[in-house]
Every structure is written in structure tokens, then in C-alpha cells.
Amino acid sequence: MTHKVTLIPGDGIGPEITESVVRVIEAAGVDIKWDRQLAGIPAVQEYGVSVPDQCLDSIKENKVALKGPLTTLVGKGFRSANVTLRRKLDLYANLRPVKTIGGVPSRFDKV
């Protein structure tokens, strides 16, 4: 079964790390059709907005997205792409699953 996923490479180191993640997922044998979309600085340069409508439409249609880091520019007149995505998609949690590894010193045990 092919899964369709919105891929937002981001900016800065984003494109490099998202391509690495894509290669890892492909090596795992997961059949994904990537719908590449721009957000952040590349989107501002291309479309004049940090999150174009086609990016939001892709995420809503696919119901899943893989997003690289997005730079938040300092100054007035620019809305953070991260904040825009959260507000437009009603996202309220930034969940980062973690797991401790036995034998590796950690601040917390048995997570």
C-alpha cells in the first residue's frame, strides 16, 4: 500500500536532514509517495508568504506531513511558518517521543 505524505524540507539544514530521513524511510521499505511543498524562507522567496495555500491543502488532503526545521525571521511583518502551520491546522502539541537505552547514563530511568 502506498502512503502519500506531504514533505516540507524547510530551510537552513532542513533540506539536508529531510533528504536523509527520506532515504532511511525508503531503505526500510515503506512505500511513500512524497508530495513536496515549500514553507518558510523558500516559500517567502517563491510565493511571498511563509505557508502557501497549496502547502496547507496538501497537508489537509494527506493528513500527514514530515517537516524539516523552519527559520523564524526576526522583525515585524513576518509571521512564523511554524506558528502559521499550528494555527491553520489547529495543532496544539509538539510531542517528541523518547526512550531510554539500558546501560546508557540518563537523567531519567525507564522512560
N, C-alpha and C. Protein backbone atom coordinates (compact mmCIF):
# COMPACT_ATOMS: atom_id res chain seq x y z
N MET A 1 0.85 -1.18 0.00
CA MET A 1 0.00 0.00 0.00
C MET A 1 0.89 1.24 0.00
N THR A 2 0.61 2.14 -0.91
CA THR A 2 1.36 3.39 -0.99
C THR A 2 0.72 4.43 -0.09
N HIS A 3 1.55 5.12 0.68
CA HIS A 3 1.10 6.20 1.55
C HIS A 3 1.54 7.51 0.93
N LYS A 4 0.67 8.51 0.91
CA LYS A 4 1.03 9.83 0.40
C LYS A 4 1.29 10.75 1.59
N VAL A 5 2.47 11.37 1.59
CA VAL A 5 2.90 12.20 2.71
C VAL A 5 3.40 13.54 2.18
N THR A 6 2.96 14.62 2.80
CA THR A 6 3.48 15.94 2.47
C THR A 6 4.88 16.05 3.05
N LEU A 7 5.83 16.49 2.22
CA LEU A 7 7.21 16.67 2.66
C LEU A 7 7.56 18.15 2.54
N ILE A 8 7.89 18.76 3.67
CA ILE A 8 8.29 20.16 3.71
C ILE A 8 9.76 20.18 4.13
N PRO A 9 10.68 20.33 3.18
CA PRO A 9 12.10 20.27 3.52
C PRO A 9 12.56 21.35 4.49
N GLY A 10 11.87 22.50 4.50
CA GLY A 10 12.28 23.58 5.38
C GLY A 10 13.41 24.39 4.79
N ASP A 11 14.19 25.00 5.67
CA ASP A 11 15.32 25.82 5.22
C ASP A 11 16.51 25.58 6.13
N GLY A 12 17.60 26.27 5.90
CA GLY A 12 18.81 26.02 6.69
C GLY A 12 19.27 24.59 6.47
N ILE A 13 19.39 23.82 7.56
CA ILE A 13 19.80 22.41 7.43
C ILE A 13 18.63 21.50 7.08
N GLY A 14 17.43 22.06 7.03
CA GLY A 14 16.23 21.27 6.78
C GLY A 14 16.29 20.38 5.55
N PRO A 15 16.60 20.92 4.36
CA PRO A 15 16.62 20.07 3.18
C PRO A 15 17.60 18.90 3.29
N GLU A 16 18.74 19.14 3.90
CA GLU A 16 19.73 18.07 4.04
C GLU A 16 19.22 16.96 4.96
N ILE A 17 18.65 17.33 6.09
CA ILE A 17 18.23 16.29 7.02
C ILE A 17 16.95 15.60 6.56
N THR A 18 16.05 16.34 5.89
CA THR A 18 14.84 15.67 5.41
C THR A 18 15.18 14.66 4.31
N GLU A 19 16.15 14.97 3.47
CA GLU A 19 16.56 14.00 2.45
C GLU A 19 17.15 12.75 3.09
N SER A 20 17.88 12.93 4.18
CA SER A 20 18.42 11.77 4.90
C SER A 20 17.29 10.93 5.48
N VAL A 21 16.28 11.57 6.04
CA VAL A 21 15.14 10.85 6.60
C VAL A 21 14.39 10.10 5.50
N VAL A 22 14.23 10.74 4.34
CA VAL A 22 13.57 10.09 3.21
C VAL A 22 14.33 8.82 2.82
N ARG A 23 15.65 8.91 2.76
CA ARG A 23 16.46 7.73 2.40
C ARG A 23 16.31 6.61 3.44
N VAL A 24 16.26 6.97 4.72
CA VAL A 24 16.08 5.96 5.77
C VAL A 24 14.72 5.29 5.63
N ILE A 25 13.68 6.08 5.41
CA ILE A 25 12.33 5.52 5.26
C ILE A 25 12.26 4.62 4.03
N GLU A 26 12.86 5.05 2.93
CA GLU A 26 12.87 4.22 1.73
C GLU A 26 13.64 2.93 1.95
N ALA A 27 14.76 3.00 2.69
CA ALA A 27 15.56 1.80 2.98
C ALA A 27 14.78 0.82 3.85
N ALA A 28 13.85 1.34 4.65
CA ALA A 28 13.02 0.48 5.50
C ALA A 28 11.93 -0.22 4.69
N GLY A 29 11.79 0.17 3.43
CA GLY A 29 10.82 -0.49 2.56
C GLY A 29 9.42 0.06 2.63
N VAL A 30 9.26 1.22 3.24
CA VAL A 30 7.94 1.84 3.32
C VAL A 30 7.64 2.51 1.98
N ASP A 31 6.48 2.22 1.42
CA ASP A 31 6.11 2.75 0.11
C ASP A 31 5.40 4.10 0.30
N ILE A 32 6.14 5.18 0.08
CA ILE A 32 5.60 6.52 0.26
C ILE A 32 5.75 7.32 -1.02
N LYS A 33 4.67 8.02 -1.37
CA LYS A 33 4.72 9.00 -2.45
C LYS A 33 4.82 10.36 -1.77
N TRP A 34 5.94 11.02 -1.97
CA TRP A 34 6.19 12.30 -1.31
C TRP A 34 5.57 13.44 -2.11
N ASP A 35 4.80 14.28 -1.44
CA ASP A 35 4.24 15.49 -2.05
C ASP A 35 5.05 16.66 -1.49
N ARG A 36 6.06 17.07 -2.24
CA ARG A 36 6.99 18.11 -1.77
C ARG A 36 6.35 19.49 -1.85
N GLN A 37 6.41 20.20 -0.72
CA GLN A 37 5.83 21.54 -0.63
C GLN A 37 6.83 22.49 0.02
N LEU A 38 6.70 23.77 -0.30
CA LEU A 38 7.56 24.79 0.28
C LEU A 38 6.87 25.46 1.46
N ALA A 39 7.67 25.80 2.47
CA ALA A 39 7.24 26.63 3.60
C ALA A 39 8.48 27.33 4.13
N GLY A 40 8.28 28.40 4.88
CA GLY A 40 9.42 29.13 5.44
C GLY A 40 10.06 30.05 4.41
N ILE A 41 11.36 30.25 4.54
CA ILE A 41 12.08 31.18 3.67
C ILE A 41 11.93 30.83 2.19
N PRO A 42 12.08 29.56 1.79
CA PRO A 42 11.90 29.26 0.36
C PRO A 42 10.51 29.65 -0.16
N ALA A 43 9.48 29.49 0.67
CA ALA A 43 8.12 29.85 0.26
C ALA A 43 7.97 31.37 0.15
N VAL A 44 8.57 32.10 1.09
CA VAL A 44 8.53 33.56 1.03
C VAL A 44 9.20 34.04 -0.25
N GLN A 45 10.34 33.45 -0.59
CA GLN A 45 11.06 33.83 -1.81
C GLN A 45 10.25 33.50 -3.06
N GLU A 46 9.57 32.37 -3.05
CA GLU A 46 8.83 31.91 -4.24
C GLU A 46 7.43 32.51 -4.35
N TYR A 47 6.71 32.59 -3.20
CA TYR A 47 5.30 32.98 -3.23
C TYR A 47 4.97 34.24 -2.44
N GLY A 48 5.91 34.73 -1.64
CA GLY A 48 5.66 35.93 -0.85
C GLY A 48 4.95 35.67 0.47
N VAL A 49 4.71 34.40 0.81
CA VAL A 49 4.10 34.03 2.09
C VAL A 49 4.87 32.86 2.68
N SER A 50 4.83 32.74 4.01
CA SER A 50 5.62 31.68 4.66
C SER A 50 5.00 30.29 4.52
N VAL A 51 3.67 30.24 4.38
CA VAL A 51 2.99 28.95 4.17
C VAL A 51 1.94 29.14 3.08
N PRO A 52 2.27 28.75 1.86
CA PRO A 52 1.31 28.91 0.76
C PRO A 52 0.09 28.01 0.94
N ASP A 53 -1.02 28.42 0.33
CA ASP A 53 -2.25 27.63 0.42
C ASP A 53 -2.06 26.20 -0.07
N GLN A 54 -1.27 26.01 -1.13
CA GLN A 54 -1.09 24.65 -1.66
C GLN A 54 -0.39 23.75 -0.65
N CYS A 55 0.45 24.31 0.20
CA CYS A 55 1.11 23.53 1.25
C CYS A 55 0.06 23.07 2.28
N LEU A 56 -0.77 24.00 2.73
CA LEU A 56 -1.83 23.65 3.68
C LEU A 56 -2.80 22.65 3.08
N ASP A 57 -3.17 22.85 1.81
CA ASP A 57 -4.09 21.93 1.14
C ASP A 57 -3.51 20.52 1.08
N SER A 58 -2.21 20.42 0.80
CA SER A 58 -1.55 19.13 0.73
C SER A 58 -1.59 18.41 2.08
N ILE A 59 -1.30 19.14 3.15
CA ILE A 59 -1.31 18.54 4.49
C ILE A 59 -2.73 18.08 4.84
N LYS A 60 -3.72 18.92 4.55
CA LYS A 60 -5.11 18.55 4.86
C LYS A 60 -5.54 17.33 4.06
N GLU A 61 -5.14 17.25 2.81
CA GLU A 61 -5.51 16.11 1.97
C GLU A 61 -4.82 14.83 2.43
N ASN A 62 -3.52 14.92 2.70
CA ASN A 62 -2.74 13.73 3.05
C ASN A 62 -2.88 13.33 4.51
N LYS A 63 -3.23 14.29 5.35
CA LYS A 63 -3.40 14.07 6.80
C LYS A 63 -2.12 13.69 7.53
N VAL A 64 -0.99 13.85 6.86
CA VAL A 64 0.31 13.60 7.50
C VAL A 64 1.37 14.39 6.75
N ALA A 65 2.34 14.91 7.51
CA ALA A 65 3.43 15.68 6.90
C ALA A 65 4.72 15.42 7.66
N LEU A 66 5.81 15.48 6.92
CA LEU A 66 7.14 15.43 7.51
C LEU A 66 7.76 16.79 7.22
N LYS A 67 8.10 17.52 8.29
CA LYS A 67 8.57 18.90 8.15
C LYS A 67 9.97 19.04 8.70
N GLY A 68 10.85 19.63 7.90
CA GLY A 68 12.18 19.97 8.37
C GLY A 68 12.13 21.28 9.15
N PRO A 69 13.26 21.68 9.75
CA PRO A 69 13.30 22.93 10.51
C PRO A 69 12.98 24.14 9.63
N LEU A 70 12.26 25.09 10.21
CA LEU A 70 11.92 26.33 9.51
C LEU A 70 12.43 27.51 10.32
N THR A 71 13.14 28.41 9.67
CA THR A 71 13.67 29.60 10.32
C THR A 71 12.54 30.58 10.62
N THR A 72 12.56 31.17 11.80
CA THR A 72 11.64 32.25 12.13
C THR A 72 12.43 33.55 12.02
N LEU A 73 12.07 34.35 11.02
CA LEU A 73 12.77 35.61 10.81
C LEU A 73 12.41 36.60 11.92
N VAL A 74 13.37 37.41 12.27
CA VAL A 74 13.17 38.42 13.31
C VAL A 74 12.71 39.70 12.65
N GLY A 75 11.76 40.36 13.26
CA GLY A 75 11.29 41.63 12.74
C GLY A 75 9.79 41.62 12.55
N LYS A 76 9.27 42.78 12.22
CA LYS A 76 7.82 42.91 12.04
C LYS A 76 7.44 42.60 10.60
N GLY A 77 6.19 42.23 10.44
CA GLY A 77 5.68 41.98 9.11
C GLY A 77 5.92 40.58 8.59
N PHE A 78 6.44 39.70 9.45
CA PHE A 78 6.67 38.32 9.02
C PHE A 78 6.07 37.40 10.06
N ARG A 79 5.20 36.53 9.61
CA ARG A 79 4.60 35.55 10.52
C ARG A 79 5.38 34.24 10.42
N SER A 80 5.73 33.69 11.55
CA SER A 80 6.45 32.43 11.61
C SER A 80 5.68 31.34 10.88
N ALA A 81 6.38 30.59 10.02
CA ALA A 81 5.75 29.47 9.31
C ALA A 81 5.28 28.42 10.31
N ASN A 82 6.05 28.19 11.36
CA ASN A 82 5.66 27.20 12.38
C ASN A 82 4.36 27.59 13.07
N VAL A 83 4.25 28.86 13.44
CA VAL A 83 3.03 29.35 14.10
C VAL A 83 1.86 29.29 13.12
N THR A 84 2.10 29.67 11.88
CA THR A 84 1.04 29.62 10.87
C THR A 84 0.53 28.20 10.70
N LEU A 85 1.44 27.23 10.59
CA LEU A 85 1.02 25.83 10.45
C LEU A 85 0.20 25.38 11.66
N ARG A 86 0.66 25.72 12.86
CA ARG A 86 -0.07 25.31 14.07
C ARG A 86 -1.47 25.91 14.11
N ARG A 87 -1.57 27.19 13.78
CA ARG A 87 -2.88 27.86 13.86
C ARG A 87 -3.83 27.39 12.77
N LYS A 88 -3.35 27.31 11.56
CA LYS A 88 -4.22 26.92 10.43
C LYS A 88 -4.67 25.46 10.53
N LEU A 89 -3.85 24.62 11.17
CA LEU A 89 -4.17 23.20 11.26
C LEU A 89 -4.67 22.79 12.65
N ASP A 90 -4.89 23.78 13.54
CA ASP A 90 -5.36 23.51 14.90
C ASP A 90 -4.48 22.51 15.63
N LEU A 91 -3.19 22.73 15.59
CA LEU A 91 -2.23 21.85 16.27
C LEU A 91 -1.83 22.49 17.59
N TYR A 92 -1.86 21.71 18.67
CA TYR A 92 -1.60 22.28 19.98
C TYR A 92 -0.52 21.56 20.77
N ALA A 93 0.06 20.53 20.20
CA ALA A 93 1.08 19.77 20.93
C ALA A 93 2.29 19.55 20.05
N ASN A 94 3.45 19.61 20.65
CA ASN A 94 4.70 19.29 19.96
C ASN A 94 5.27 18.09 20.71
N LEU A 95 4.82 16.91 20.33
CA LEU A 95 5.16 15.68 21.03
C LEU A 95 6.44 15.10 20.46
N ARG A 96 7.39 14.80 21.32
CA ARG A 96 8.65 14.20 20.90
C ARG A 96 8.87 12.91 21.68
N PRO A 97 8.51 11.78 21.08
CA PRO A 97 8.66 10.51 21.79
C PRO A 97 10.13 10.20 22.07
N VAL A 98 10.39 9.68 23.27
CA VAL A 98 11.75 9.31 23.66
C VAL A 98 11.74 7.96 24.36
N LYS A 99 12.89 7.35 24.41
CA LYS A 99 13.03 6.06 25.09
C LYS A 99 14.45 5.95 25.62
N THR A 100 14.58 5.58 26.89
CA THR A 100 15.92 5.39 27.43
C THR A 100 16.49 4.07 26.93
N ILE A 101 17.80 4.02 26.86
CA ILE A 101 18.51 2.82 26.40
C ILE A 101 19.28 2.27 27.58
N GLY A 102 19.05 0.99 27.89
CA GLY A 102 19.72 0.34 29.01
C GLY A 102 21.23 0.46 28.90
N GLY A 103 21.89 0.78 30.01
CA GLY A 103 23.35 0.89 30.03
C GLY A 103 23.88 2.25 29.62
N VAL A 104 23.01 3.12 29.14
CA VAL A 104 23.43 4.47 28.76
C VAL A 104 23.00 5.42 29.87
N PRO A 105 23.96 6.15 30.47
CA PRO A 105 23.61 7.08 31.54
C PRO A 105 22.57 8.09 31.06
N SER A 106 21.57 8.31 31.90
CA SER A 106 20.47 9.18 31.53
C SER A 106 19.98 9.92 32.76
N ARG A 107 19.38 11.06 32.54
CA ARG A 107 18.82 11.84 33.63
C ARG A 107 17.64 11.09 34.28
N PHE A 108 16.89 10.35 33.46
CA PHE A 108 15.74 9.60 33.95
C PHE A 108 15.87 8.15 33.53
N ASP A 109 15.40 7.23 34.37
CA ASP A 109 15.46 5.80 34.06
C ASP A 109 14.09 5.30 33.60
N LYS A 110 14.13 4.25 32.82
CA LYS A 110 12.93 3.52 32.40
C LYS A 110 11.88 4.40 31.75
N VAL A 111 12.31 5.24 30.85
CA VAL A 111 11.37 6.08 30.10
C VAL A 111 11.00 5.35 28.84
